[in-house]
């Protein structure tokens, strides 16, 4: 049992995140990808809350304990996905695949705004059914007009997505860092290479 003073064998252990899978061996989240710091992963292993599926070569040690850093872990208890995703700016962008719903151009999140299809000044509500991702120029061009007044109809009718739909959309945006040990647990329906 560790004594609380685990010391990594190499400097910079921040580079050893663990992919976190639910008990069904699917990621808790694709976007953002569910990863924990090596410290949180080690704590979960010690407390027997997770199973280790893959490890890095790097170890952490204390005077009475040594452990290879986990690279893929699975929760022992299943966590059901929320049935209704939270109505957030980020989830609106994810629902709309980070594309302006007027011009169709893909943008990074920091370059998107959200637009009320029926402007608030015209009685429109801030809800899944009335808000879409928009780039700055399109949002300014539309202003407080109705879509038919400016001939700017959203590419898709805004609606509340399911958590599953957001997860599926998130699979299209892999993070910059994907450790090779994670690949077997991501992108289930990608075609297998023949060799």
N, C-alpha and C. Protein backbone atom coordinates (compact mmCIF):
# COMPACT_ATOMS: atom_id res chain seq x y z
N UNK A 1 0.85 -1.19 0.00
CA UNK A 1 0.00 0.00 0.00
C UNK A 1 0.88 1.24 0.00
N UNK A 2 0.58 2.22 -0.85
CA UNK A 2 1.42 3.41 -0.91
C UNK A 2 1.30 4.24 0.36
N UNK A 3 2.35 4.98 0.63
CA UNK A 3 2.35 5.82 1.83
C UNK A 3 2.05 7.28 1.52
N UNK A 4 1.58 7.57 0.31
CA UNK A 4 1.22 8.93 -0.04
C UNK A 4 2.35 9.73 -0.65
N UNK A 5 3.56 9.16 -0.73
CA UNK A 5 4.69 9.92 -1.29
C UNK A 5 5.20 9.27 -2.57
N UNK A 6 4.32 9.03 -3.50
CA UNK A 6 4.73 8.43 -4.77
C UNK A 6 5.59 9.40 -5.55
N UNK A 7 6.67 8.90 -6.08
CA UNK A 7 7.59 9.74 -6.84
C UNK A 7 7.79 9.11 -8.21
N UNK A 8 7.49 9.84 -9.27
CA UNK A 8 7.69 9.28 -10.60
C UNK A 8 9.17 9.06 -10.88
N UNK A 9 9.47 8.05 -11.69
CA UNK A 9 10.84 7.72 -12.05
C UNK A 9 11.43 8.71 -13.04
N UNK A 10 10.59 9.43 -13.77
CA UNK A 10 11.09 10.39 -14.75
C UNK A 10 10.48 11.74 -14.46
N UNK A 11 11.11 12.77 -14.97
CA UNK A 11 10.55 14.11 -14.78
C UNK A 11 9.40 14.33 -15.75
N UNK A 12 8.52 15.22 -15.40
CA UNK A 12 7.42 15.58 -16.29
C UNK A 12 6.32 14.55 -16.43
N UNK A 13 5.81 13.96 -15.34
CA UNK A 13 4.78 12.95 -15.46
C UNK A 13 3.43 13.48 -15.94
N UNK A 14 3.32 14.81 -16.14
CA UNK A 14 2.09 15.36 -16.67
C UNK A 14 1.78 14.82 -18.05
N UNK A 15 2.78 14.21 -18.69
CA UNK A 15 2.59 13.66 -20.01
C UNK A 15 2.08 12.24 -20.01
N UNK A 16 1.53 11.75 -18.91
CA UNK A 16 1.05 10.38 -18.82
C UNK A 16 -0.42 10.31 -18.45
N UNK A 17 -1.31 10.90 -19.27
CA UNK A 17 -2.73 10.83 -18.94
C UNK A 17 -3.27 9.42 -19.13
N UNK A 18 -4.33 9.10 -18.42
CA UNK A 18 -4.98 7.80 -18.56
C UNK A 18 -6.33 7.98 -19.24
N UNK A 19 -6.58 7.19 -20.28
CA UNK A 19 -7.89 7.17 -20.91
C UNK A 19 -8.84 6.47 -19.96
N UNK A 20 -9.99 7.09 -19.68
CA UNK A 20 -10.96 6.54 -18.73
C UNK A 20 -12.15 5.99 -19.49
N UNK A 21 -12.39 4.70 -19.30
CA UNK A 21 -13.53 4.02 -19.93
C UNK A 21 -14.58 3.72 -18.88
N UNK A 22 -15.82 3.67 -19.32
CA UNK A 22 -16.89 3.25 -18.44
C UNK A 22 -16.76 1.74 -18.25
N UNK A 23 -17.60 1.15 -17.42
CA UNK A 23 -17.53 -0.28 -17.17
C UNK A 23 -17.86 -1.10 -18.43
N UNK A 24 -18.46 -0.47 -19.44
CA UNK A 24 -18.74 -1.17 -20.70
C UNK A 24 -17.59 -1.01 -21.71
N UNK A 25 -16.48 -0.46 -21.25
CA UNK A 25 -15.26 -0.27 -22.05
C UNK A 25 -15.40 0.75 -23.17
N UNK A 26 -16.31 1.68 -23.00
CA UNK A 26 -16.43 2.81 -23.91
C UNK A 26 -16.01 4.06 -23.16
N UNK A 27 -15.39 5.04 -23.84
CA UNK A 27 -14.99 6.26 -23.14
C UNK A 27 -16.19 6.93 -22.47
N UNK A 28 -15.94 7.51 -21.30
CA UNK A 28 -17.00 8.27 -20.63
C UNK A 28 -17.45 9.41 -21.52
N UNK A 29 -16.49 9.99 -22.24
CA UNK A 29 -16.78 11.12 -23.12
C UNK A 29 -15.77 11.10 -24.26
N UNK A 30 -16.25 11.44 -25.46
CA UNK A 30 -15.35 11.57 -26.60
C UNK A 30 -14.88 13.01 -26.78
N UNK A 31 -15.72 13.96 -26.42
CA UNK A 31 -15.33 15.35 -26.62
C UNK A 31 -15.86 16.19 -25.48
N UNK A 32 -15.05 16.58 -24.55
CA UNK A 32 -13.63 16.28 -24.52
C UNK A 32 -13.41 14.81 -24.17
N UNK A 33 -12.32 14.25 -24.66
CA UNK A 33 -12.00 12.85 -24.39
C UNK A 33 -11.78 12.68 -22.89
N UNK A 34 -12.35 11.62 -22.33
CA UNK A 34 -12.27 11.39 -20.89
C UNK A 34 -10.88 10.87 -20.53
N UNK A 35 -10.08 11.75 -19.99
CA UNK A 35 -8.75 11.39 -19.52
C UNK A 35 -8.56 11.94 -18.11
N UNK A 36 -7.78 11.24 -17.33
CA UNK A 36 -7.41 11.67 -15.98
C UNK A 36 -5.91 11.86 -15.93
N UNK A 37 -5.47 12.70 -15.03
CA UNK A 37 -4.04 12.86 -14.78
C UNK A 37 -3.51 11.54 -14.21
N UNK A 38 -2.20 11.36 -14.30
CA UNK A 38 -1.62 10.12 -13.76
C UNK A 38 -1.87 10.02 -12.26
N UNK A 39 -1.91 11.16 -11.55
CA UNK A 39 -2.14 11.13 -10.11
C UNK A 39 -3.54 10.60 -9.79
N UNK A 40 -4.56 11.10 -10.52
CA UNK A 40 -5.93 10.63 -10.28
C UNK A 40 -6.08 9.17 -10.66
N UNK A 41 -5.42 8.75 -11.74
CA UNK A 41 -5.50 7.36 -12.17
C UNK A 41 -4.87 6.43 -11.13
N UNK A 42 -3.71 6.81 -10.61
CA UNK A 42 -3.04 5.98 -9.59
C UNK A 42 -3.91 5.89 -8.34
N UNK A 43 -4.48 7.01 -7.93
CA UNK A 43 -5.35 7.01 -6.74
C UNK A 43 -6.53 6.06 -6.95
N UNK A 44 -7.14 6.10 -8.14
CA UNK A 44 -8.29 5.22 -8.41
C UNK A 44 -7.87 3.75 -8.42
N UNK A 45 -6.66 3.47 -8.91
CA UNK A 45 -6.16 2.08 -8.91
C UNK A 45 -5.97 1.61 -7.48
N UNK A 46 -5.33 2.43 -6.66
CA UNK A 46 -5.06 2.07 -5.26
C UNK A 46 -6.36 1.85 -4.50
N UNK A 47 -7.36 2.68 -4.79
CA UNK A 47 -8.67 2.55 -4.10
C UNK A 47 -9.55 1.48 -4.73
N UNK A 48 -9.02 0.78 -5.76
CA UNK A 48 -9.71 -0.31 -6.44
C UNK A 48 -11.04 0.11 -7.05
N UNK A 49 -11.07 1.33 -7.60
CA UNK A 49 -12.26 1.84 -8.27
C UNK A 49 -12.23 1.58 -9.77
N UNK A 50 -11.05 1.21 -10.27
CA UNK A 50 -10.87 0.98 -11.70
C UNK A 50 -10.06 -0.30 -11.93
N UNK A 51 -10.17 -0.81 -13.15
CA UNK A 51 -9.31 -1.90 -13.61
C UNK A 51 -8.32 -1.32 -14.60
N UNK A 52 -7.08 -1.75 -14.52
CA UNK A 52 -6.05 -1.27 -15.44
C UNK A 52 -6.05 -2.16 -16.67
N UNK A 53 -6.21 -1.56 -17.85
CA UNK A 53 -6.24 -2.32 -19.09
C UNK A 53 -4.93 -2.20 -19.87
N UNK A 54 -4.21 -1.09 -19.66
CA UNK A 54 -2.94 -0.89 -20.34
C UNK A 54 -2.10 0.04 -19.49
N UNK A 55 -0.77 -0.10 -19.60
CA UNK A 55 0.14 0.69 -18.78
C UNK A 55 1.22 1.33 -19.63
N UNK A 56 1.78 2.43 -19.09
CA UNK A 56 2.98 3.02 -19.65
C UNK A 56 4.18 2.24 -19.10
N UNK A 57 5.34 2.46 -19.68
CA UNK A 57 6.57 1.85 -19.16
C UNK A 57 7.03 2.53 -17.88
N UNK A 58 6.60 3.75 -17.66
CA UNK A 58 7.04 4.56 -16.52
C UNK A 58 6.38 4.09 -15.23
N UNK A 59 7.16 4.10 -14.14
CA UNK A 59 6.66 3.70 -12.82
C UNK A 59 6.64 4.88 -11.87
N UNK A 60 5.80 4.75 -10.85
CA UNK A 60 5.86 5.64 -9.69
C UNK A 60 6.26 4.75 -8.52
N UNK A 61 7.03 5.33 -7.60
CA UNK A 61 7.52 4.54 -6.47
C UNK A 61 7.41 5.33 -5.18
N UNK A 62 7.23 4.59 -4.12
CA UNK A 62 7.36 5.12 -2.77
C UNK A 62 8.29 4.13 -2.07
N UNK A 63 8.65 4.37 -0.83
CA UNK A 63 9.54 3.41 -0.16
C UNK A 63 8.96 1.99 -0.08
N UNK A 64 7.64 1.86 -0.08
CA UNK A 64 7.04 0.53 0.08
C UNK A 64 6.15 0.10 -1.09
N UNK A 65 6.21 0.81 -2.21
CA UNK A 65 5.22 0.55 -3.25
C UNK A 65 5.78 0.99 -4.60
N UNK A 66 5.47 0.24 -5.63
CA UNK A 66 5.83 0.65 -6.99
C UNK A 66 4.69 0.24 -7.92
N UNK A 67 4.43 1.10 -8.91
CA UNK A 67 3.30 0.87 -9.81
C UNK A 67 3.61 1.49 -11.16
N UNK A 68 3.37 0.73 -12.22
CA UNK A 68 3.48 1.32 -13.56
C UNK A 68 2.28 2.22 -13.78
N UNK A 69 2.52 3.37 -14.41
CA UNK A 69 1.43 4.33 -14.64
C UNK A 69 0.42 3.74 -15.61
N UNK A 70 -0.86 3.78 -15.26
CA UNK A 70 -1.88 3.25 -16.17
C UNK A 70 -2.10 4.18 -17.36
N UNK A 71 -2.27 3.60 -18.55
CA UNK A 71 -2.59 4.43 -19.73
C UNK A 71 -4.05 4.27 -20.13
N UNK A 72 -4.67 3.12 -19.79
CA UNK A 72 -6.10 2.91 -20.03
C UNK A 72 -6.68 2.25 -18.80
N UNK A 73 -7.74 2.85 -18.26
CA UNK A 73 -8.42 2.28 -17.10
C UNK A 73 -9.92 2.21 -17.38
N UNK A 74 -10.57 1.26 -16.74
CA UNK A 74 -12.03 1.12 -16.87
C UNK A 74 -12.65 1.17 -15.47
N UNK A 75 -13.70 1.95 -15.34
CA UNK A 75 -14.41 2.02 -14.06
C UNK A 75 -15.00 0.66 -13.73
N UNK A 76 -15.02 0.32 -12.46
CA UNK A 76 -15.63 -0.95 -12.06
C UNK A 76 -17.14 -0.85 -11.99
N UNK A 77 -17.64 0.36 -11.72
CA UNK A 77 -19.09 0.58 -11.66
C UNK A 77 -19.50 1.42 -12.87
N UNK A 78 -20.57 0.99 -13.53
CA UNK A 78 -21.06 1.67 -14.73
C UNK A 78 -21.71 3.00 -14.36
N UNK A 79 -21.39 4.04 -15.11
CA UNK A 79 -22.02 5.35 -14.92
C UNK A 79 -22.90 5.61 -16.14
N UNK A 80 -24.23 5.63 -15.95
CA UNK A 80 -25.10 5.89 -17.11
C UNK A 80 -24.93 7.32 -17.61
N UNK A 81 -25.01 7.47 -18.93
CA UNK A 81 -24.93 8.81 -19.53
C UNK A 81 -26.18 9.60 -19.19
N UNK A 82 -26.01 10.89 -19.07
CA UNK A 82 -27.17 11.75 -18.82
C UNK A 82 -28.11 11.63 -20.02
N UNK A 83 -29.39 11.53 -19.76
CA UNK A 83 -30.34 11.41 -20.87
C UNK A 83 -30.46 12.69 -21.66
N UNK A 84 -30.42 13.79 -20.95
CA UNK A 84 -30.53 15.10 -21.60
C UNK A 84 -29.26 15.87 -21.36
N UNK A 85 -28.56 16.21 -22.41
CA UNK A 85 -27.34 16.99 -22.22
C UNK A 85 -27.65 18.40 -21.73
N UNK A 86 -26.71 18.95 -21.02
CA UNK A 86 -26.87 20.32 -20.51
C UNK A 86 -26.91 21.29 -21.69
N UNK A 87 -27.74 22.30 -21.56
CA UNK A 87 -27.82 23.35 -22.59
C UNK A 87 -26.70 24.34 -22.31
N UNK A 88 -25.58 24.16 -23.01
CA UNK A 88 -24.43 25.04 -22.85
C UNK A 88 -23.99 25.51 -24.24
N UNK A 89 -23.26 26.58 -24.26
CA UNK A 89 -22.72 27.11 -25.51
C UNK A 89 -21.89 26.04 -26.21
N UNK A 90 -21.01 25.37 -25.44
CA UNK A 90 -20.16 24.34 -26.03
C UNK A 90 -20.98 23.21 -26.63
N UNK A 91 -22.03 22.75 -25.94
CA UNK A 91 -22.85 21.66 -26.47
C UNK A 91 -23.63 22.09 -27.71
N UNK A 92 -24.00 23.36 -27.80
CA UNK A 92 -24.63 23.86 -29.03
C UNK A 92 -23.63 23.74 -30.18
N UNK A 93 -22.39 24.17 -29.93
CA UNK A 93 -21.36 24.08 -30.97
C UNK A 93 -21.12 22.63 -31.36
N UNK A 94 -21.09 21.73 -30.37
CA UNK A 94 -20.86 20.31 -30.66
C UNK A 94 -22.03 19.72 -31.44
N UNK A 95 -23.26 20.08 -31.06
CA UNK A 95 -24.43 19.61 -31.82
C UNK A 95 -24.30 20.04 -33.28
N UNK A 96 -23.86 21.27 -33.51
CA UNK A 96 -23.75 21.82 -34.86
C UNK A 96 -22.40 21.53 -35.51
N UNK A 97 -21.61 20.67 -34.89
CA UNK A 97 -20.31 20.22 -35.40
C UNK A 97 -19.34 21.36 -35.66
N UNK A 98 -19.41 22.39 -34.83
CA UNK A 98 -18.52 23.55 -34.92
C UNK A 98 -18.58 24.20 -36.30
N UNK A 99 -19.77 24.20 -36.89
CA UNK A 99 -20.00 24.83 -38.20
C UNK A 99 -21.03 25.92 -38.05
N UNK A 100 -20.77 27.06 -38.70
CA UNK A 100 -21.76 28.12 -38.74
C UNK A 100 -22.99 27.57 -39.45
N UNK A 101 -24.13 27.73 -38.85
CA UNK A 101 -25.35 27.17 -39.43
C UNK A 101 -25.93 28.04 -40.55
N UNK A 102 -25.26 29.14 -40.86
CA UNK A 102 -25.70 29.98 -41.97
C UNK A 102 -24.80 29.82 -43.19
N UNK A 103 -23.48 29.91 -43.02
CA UNK A 103 -22.58 29.79 -44.17
C UNK A 103 -21.96 28.40 -44.29
N UNK A 104 -22.03 27.60 -43.23
CA UNK A 104 -21.51 26.24 -43.26
C UNK A 104 -20.02 26.12 -42.99
N UNK A 105 -19.35 27.23 -42.71
CA UNK A 105 -17.90 27.17 -42.48
C UNK A 105 -17.59 26.64 -41.09
N UNK A 106 -16.64 25.68 -41.03
CA UNK A 106 -16.20 25.13 -39.74
C UNK A 106 -15.24 26.11 -39.08
N UNK A 107 -15.38 26.28 -37.78
CA UNK A 107 -14.56 27.24 -37.03
C UNK A 107 -14.17 26.62 -35.69
N UNK A 108 -13.04 27.05 -35.11
CA UNK A 108 -12.76 26.64 -33.73
C UNK A 108 -13.77 27.31 -32.79
N UNK A 109 -13.99 26.69 -31.64
CA UNK A 109 -15.01 27.18 -30.71
C UNK A 109 -14.85 28.65 -30.38
N UNK A 110 -13.60 29.11 -30.22
CA UNK A 110 -13.39 30.51 -29.83
C UNK A 110 -13.78 31.49 -30.93
N UNK A 111 -13.99 31.00 -32.16
CA UNK A 111 -14.39 31.89 -33.25
C UNK A 111 -15.88 31.78 -33.58
N UNK A 112 -16.62 31.04 -32.76
CA UNK A 112 -18.06 30.90 -32.97
C UNK A 112 -18.82 31.69 -31.92
N UNK A 113 -20.01 32.08 -32.29
CA UNK A 113 -20.96 32.68 -31.36
C UNK A 113 -22.22 31.84 -31.46
N UNK A 114 -23.21 32.15 -30.64
CA UNK A 114 -24.48 31.50 -30.90
C UNK A 114 -25.51 32.55 -31.26
N UNK A 115 -26.38 32.17 -32.16
CA UNK A 115 -27.38 33.09 -32.68
C UNK A 115 -28.77 32.61 -32.32
N UNK A 116 -29.62 33.52 -31.93
CA UNK A 116 -31.04 33.21 -31.72
C UNK A 116 -31.71 33.28 -33.10
N UNK A 117 -32.23 32.15 -33.58
CA UNK A 117 -32.87 32.11 -34.90
C UNK A 117 -34.01 33.13 -34.92
N UNK A 118 -34.88 33.06 -33.94
CA UNK A 118 -35.87 34.12 -33.73
C UNK A 118 -35.26 35.03 -32.67
N UNK A 119 -34.88 36.24 -33.03
CA UNK A 119 -34.16 37.12 -32.10
C UNK A 119 -34.93 37.32 -30.79
N UNK A 120 -34.18 37.49 -29.73
CA UNK A 120 -34.81 37.74 -28.43
C UNK A 120 -35.67 38.99 -28.48
N UNK A 121 -35.25 39.98 -29.27
CA UNK A 121 -36.03 41.22 -29.39
C UNK A 121 -37.37 40.98 -30.07
N UNK A 122 -37.52 39.80 -30.70
CA UNK A 122 -38.77 39.44 -31.37
C UNK A 122 -39.50 38.33 -30.62
N UNK A 123 -39.08 38.10 -29.38
CA UNK A 123 -39.76 37.10 -28.55
C UNK A 123 -39.11 35.72 -28.57
N UNK A 124 -37.96 35.59 -29.23
CA UNK A 124 -37.28 34.30 -29.28
C UNK A 124 -36.68 33.94 -27.93
N UNK A 125 -36.66 32.66 -27.64
CA UNK A 125 -36.15 32.18 -26.36
C UNK A 125 -34.74 31.63 -26.52
N UNK A 126 -34.02 31.58 -25.42
CA UNK A 126 -32.70 30.96 -25.40
C UNK A 126 -32.91 29.50 -25.05
N UNK A 127 -33.01 28.67 -26.08
CA UNK A 127 -33.29 27.25 -25.90
C UNK A 127 -32.66 26.45 -27.04
N UNK A 128 -32.61 25.14 -26.86
CA UNK A 128 -32.09 24.25 -27.91
C UNK A 128 -32.80 24.50 -29.23
N UNK A 129 -34.11 24.77 -29.18
CA UNK A 129 -34.91 24.89 -30.39
C UNK A 129 -34.78 26.24 -31.09
N UNK A 130 -34.01 27.18 -30.49
CA UNK A 130 -33.92 28.50 -31.09
C UNK A 130 -32.49 29.04 -31.19
N UNK A 131 -31.50 28.26 -30.80
CA UNK A 131 -30.12 28.75 -30.81
C UNK A 131 -29.28 27.87 -31.72
N UNK A 132 -28.45 28.51 -32.55
CA UNK A 132 -27.54 27.78 -33.45
C UNK A 132 -26.14 28.39 -33.36
N UNK A 133 -25.15 27.61 -33.75
CA UNK A 133 -23.78 28.11 -33.86
C UNK A 133 -23.70 29.03 -35.08
N UNK A 134 -22.99 30.14 -34.93
CA UNK A 134 -22.83 31.09 -36.04
C UNK A 134 -21.46 31.73 -35.96
N UNK A 135 -20.89 31.99 -37.12
CA UNK A 135 -19.63 32.74 -37.14
C UNK A 135 -19.98 34.22 -36.91
N UNK A 136 -18.99 34.98 -36.52
CA UNK A 136 -19.22 36.40 -36.24
C UNK A 136 -19.82 37.18 -37.40
N UNK A 137 -19.25 37.05 -38.62
CA UNK A 137 -19.81 37.81 -39.74
C UNK A 137 -21.28 37.48 -40.04
N UNK A 138 -21.65 36.19 -39.98
CA UNK A 138 -23.04 35.82 -40.24
C UNK A 138 -23.96 36.33 -39.14
N UNK A 139 -23.49 36.24 -37.90
CA UNK A 139 -24.30 36.71 -36.79
C UNK A 139 -24.55 38.22 -36.92
N UNK A 140 -23.52 38.97 -37.29
CA UNK A 140 -23.69 40.42 -37.49
C UNK A 140 -24.62 40.71 -38.67
N UNK A 141 -24.45 39.97 -39.77
CA UNK A 141 -25.27 40.20 -40.95
C UNK A 141 -26.76 39.92 -40.67
N UNK A 142 -27.02 38.87 -39.90
CA UNK A 142 -28.42 38.53 -39.59
C UNK A 142 -29.00 39.55 -38.61
N UNK A 143 -28.20 39.94 -37.63
CA UNK A 143 -28.66 40.94 -36.67
C UNK A 143 -29.91 40.49 -35.94
N UNK A 144 -30.87 41.40 -35.82
CA UNK A 144 -32.10 41.09 -35.09
C UNK A 144 -33.27 40.83 -36.05
N UNK A 145 -32.92 40.37 -37.24
CA UNK A 145 -33.98 40.06 -38.22
C UNK A 145 -34.37 38.59 -38.14
N UNK A 146 -35.57 38.31 -38.61
CA UNK A 146 -36.03 36.93 -38.73
C UNK A 146 -35.34 36.29 -39.93
N UNK A 147 -35.15 34.97 -39.93
CA UNK A 147 -34.48 34.31 -41.04
C UNK A 147 -35.07 34.64 -42.41
N UNK A 148 -36.38 34.69 -42.53
CA UNK A 148 -37.00 34.96 -43.83
C UNK A 148 -36.80 36.41 -44.28
N UNK A 149 -36.59 37.32 -43.32
CA UNK A 149 -36.38 38.72 -43.66
C UNK A 149 -35.00 38.97 -44.28
N UNK A 150 -34.05 38.12 -43.96
CA UNK A 150 -32.69 38.31 -44.48
C UNK A 150 -32.23 37.13 -45.33
N UNK A 151 -33.15 36.21 -45.60
CA UNK A 151 -32.85 35.02 -46.40
C UNK A 151 -31.66 34.25 -45.82
N UNK A 152 -31.68 34.08 -44.50
CA UNK A 152 -30.63 33.33 -43.81
C UNK A 152 -31.28 32.25 -42.95
N UNK A 153 -31.54 31.11 -43.57
CA UNK A 153 -32.13 29.99 -42.85
C UNK A 153 -31.02 29.08 -42.33
N UNK A 154 -31.16 28.59 -41.08
CA UNK A 154 -30.15 27.66 -40.58
C UNK A 154 -30.11 26.40 -41.45
N UNK A 155 -28.93 25.83 -41.61
CA UNK A 155 -28.75 24.63 -42.42
C UNK A 155 -29.53 23.45 -41.84
N UNK A 156 -29.61 23.40 -40.52
CA UNK A 156 -30.39 22.36 -39.84
C UNK A 156 -31.30 23.04 -38.83
N UNK A 157 -32.48 22.51 -38.70
CA UNK A 157 -33.41 23.07 -37.71
C UNK A 157 -32.87 22.80 -36.32
N UNK A 158 -32.75 23.83 -35.49
CA UNK A 158 -32.22 23.60 -34.15
C UNK A 158 -33.16 22.74 -33.31
N UNK A 159 -32.56 21.82 -32.56
CA UNK A 159 -33.33 20.92 -31.70
C UNK A 159 -32.43 20.42 -30.59
N UNK A 160 -33.05 19.85 -29.58
CA UNK A 160 -32.27 19.30 -28.47
C UNK A 160 -31.67 17.96 -28.91
N UNK A 161 -30.35 17.81 -28.83
CA UNK A 161 -29.73 16.54 -29.18
C UNK A 161 -29.79 15.57 -28.01
N UNK A 162 -29.54 14.32 -28.28
CA UNK A 162 -29.39 13.35 -27.19
C UNK A 162 -27.92 13.33 -26.78
N UNK A 163 -27.64 12.80 -25.61
CA UNK A 163 -26.25 12.66 -25.18
C UNK A 163 -25.49 11.78 -26.17
N UNK A 164 -26.15 10.76 -26.68
CA UNK A 164 -25.51 9.86 -27.64
C UNK A 164 -25.10 10.63 -28.90
N UNK A 165 -25.97 11.51 -29.40
CA UNK A 165 -25.64 12.29 -30.59
C UNK A 165 -24.43 13.18 -30.34
N UNK A 166 -24.35 13.80 -29.18
CA UNK A 166 -23.20 14.65 -28.88
C UNK A 166 -21.93 13.82 -28.81
N UNK A 167 -22.02 12.63 -28.22
CA UNK A 167 -20.85 11.76 -28.16
C UNK A 167 -20.41 11.35 -29.57
N UNK A 168 -21.37 11.01 -30.41
CA UNK A 168 -21.04 10.64 -31.79
C UNK A 168 -20.39 11.81 -32.53
N UNK A 169 -20.93 13.00 -32.35
CA UNK A 169 -20.33 14.18 -32.99
C UNK A 169 -18.91 14.41 -32.46
N UNK A 170 -18.72 14.18 -31.17
CA UNK A 170 -17.41 14.39 -30.57
C UNK A 170 -16.35 13.45 -31.11
N UNK A 171 -16.77 12.29 -31.59
CA UNK A 171 -15.81 11.33 -32.14
C UNK A 171 -15.11 11.87 -33.38
N UNK A 172 -15.70 12.85 -34.02
CA UNK A 172 -15.11 13.43 -35.23
C UNK A 172 -14.00 14.43 -34.91
N UNK A 173 -13.79 14.72 -33.63
CA UNK A 173 -12.80 15.73 -33.23
C UNK A 173 -11.80 15.13 -32.25
N UNK A 174 -10.91 14.25 -32.73
CA UNK A 174 -9.95 13.63 -31.80
C UNK A 174 -9.00 14.68 -31.23
N UNK A 175 -8.56 14.47 -29.99
CA UNK A 175 -7.63 15.42 -29.39
C UNK A 175 -6.26 15.32 -30.06
N UNK A 176 -5.40 16.27 -29.75
CA UNK A 176 -4.06 16.28 -30.32
C UNK A 176 -3.24 15.08 -29.85
N UNK A 177 -3.48 14.64 -28.62
CA UNK A 177 -2.69 13.54 -28.06
C UNK A 177 -3.54 12.28 -27.99
N UNK A 178 -3.16 11.27 -28.75
CA UNK A 178 -3.80 9.96 -28.65
C UNK A 178 -2.69 8.93 -28.47
N UNK A 179 -2.57 8.39 -27.28
CA UNK A 179 -1.54 7.38 -27.05
C UNK A 179 -1.91 6.11 -27.81
N UNK A 180 -0.90 5.40 -28.30
CA UNK A 180 -1.17 4.21 -29.11
C UNK A 180 -1.98 3.16 -28.35
N UNK A 181 -1.85 3.08 -27.02
CA UNK A 181 -2.60 2.09 -26.25
C UNK A 181 -4.09 2.42 -26.18
N UNK A 182 -4.47 3.64 -26.57
CA UNK A 182 -5.87 4.04 -26.50
C UNK A 182 -6.65 3.62 -27.74
N UNK A 183 -5.96 3.41 -28.84
CA UNK A 183 -6.63 3.24 -30.13
C UNK A 183 -7.61 2.06 -30.18
N UNK A 184 -7.35 1.01 -29.43
CA UNK A 184 -8.26 -0.14 -29.42
C UNK A 184 -9.58 0.17 -28.72
N UNK A 185 -9.63 1.27 -27.98
CA UNK A 185 -10.82 1.60 -27.20
C UNK A 185 -11.58 2.80 -27.76
N UNK A 186 -11.09 3.35 -28.86
CA UNK A 186 -11.72 4.52 -29.47
C UNK A 186 -12.18 4.17 -30.88
N UNK A 187 -13.19 4.90 -31.35
CA UNK A 187 -13.65 4.79 -32.73
C UNK A 187 -14.05 3.36 -33.08
N UNK A 188 -15.03 2.84 -32.38
CA UNK A 188 -15.48 1.45 -32.50
C UNK A 188 -15.81 1.04 -33.92
N UNK A 189 -16.43 1.93 -34.66
CA UNK A 189 -16.93 1.51 -35.97
C UNK A 189 -15.99 1.87 -37.11
N UNK A 190 -14.74 2.21 -36.79
CA UNK A 190 -13.82 2.47 -37.88
C UNK A 190 -13.42 1.14 -38.52
N UNK A 191 -13.15 1.18 -39.80
CA UNK A 191 -12.82 -0.03 -40.52
C UNK A 191 -11.46 -0.54 -40.07
N UNK A 192 -11.37 -1.84 -39.84
CA UNK A 192 -10.11 -2.43 -39.42
C UNK A 192 -9.17 -2.56 -40.60
N UNK A 193 -7.89 -2.36 -40.34
CA UNK A 193 -6.90 -2.49 -41.40
C UNK A 193 -6.68 -3.98 -41.67
N UNK A 194 -6.53 -4.31 -42.95
CA UNK A 194 -6.23 -5.68 -43.31
C UNK A 194 -4.74 -5.80 -43.52
N UNK A 195 -4.16 -6.88 -43.06
CA UNK A 195 -2.72 -6.97 -43.20
C UNK A 195 -2.22 -8.36 -43.42
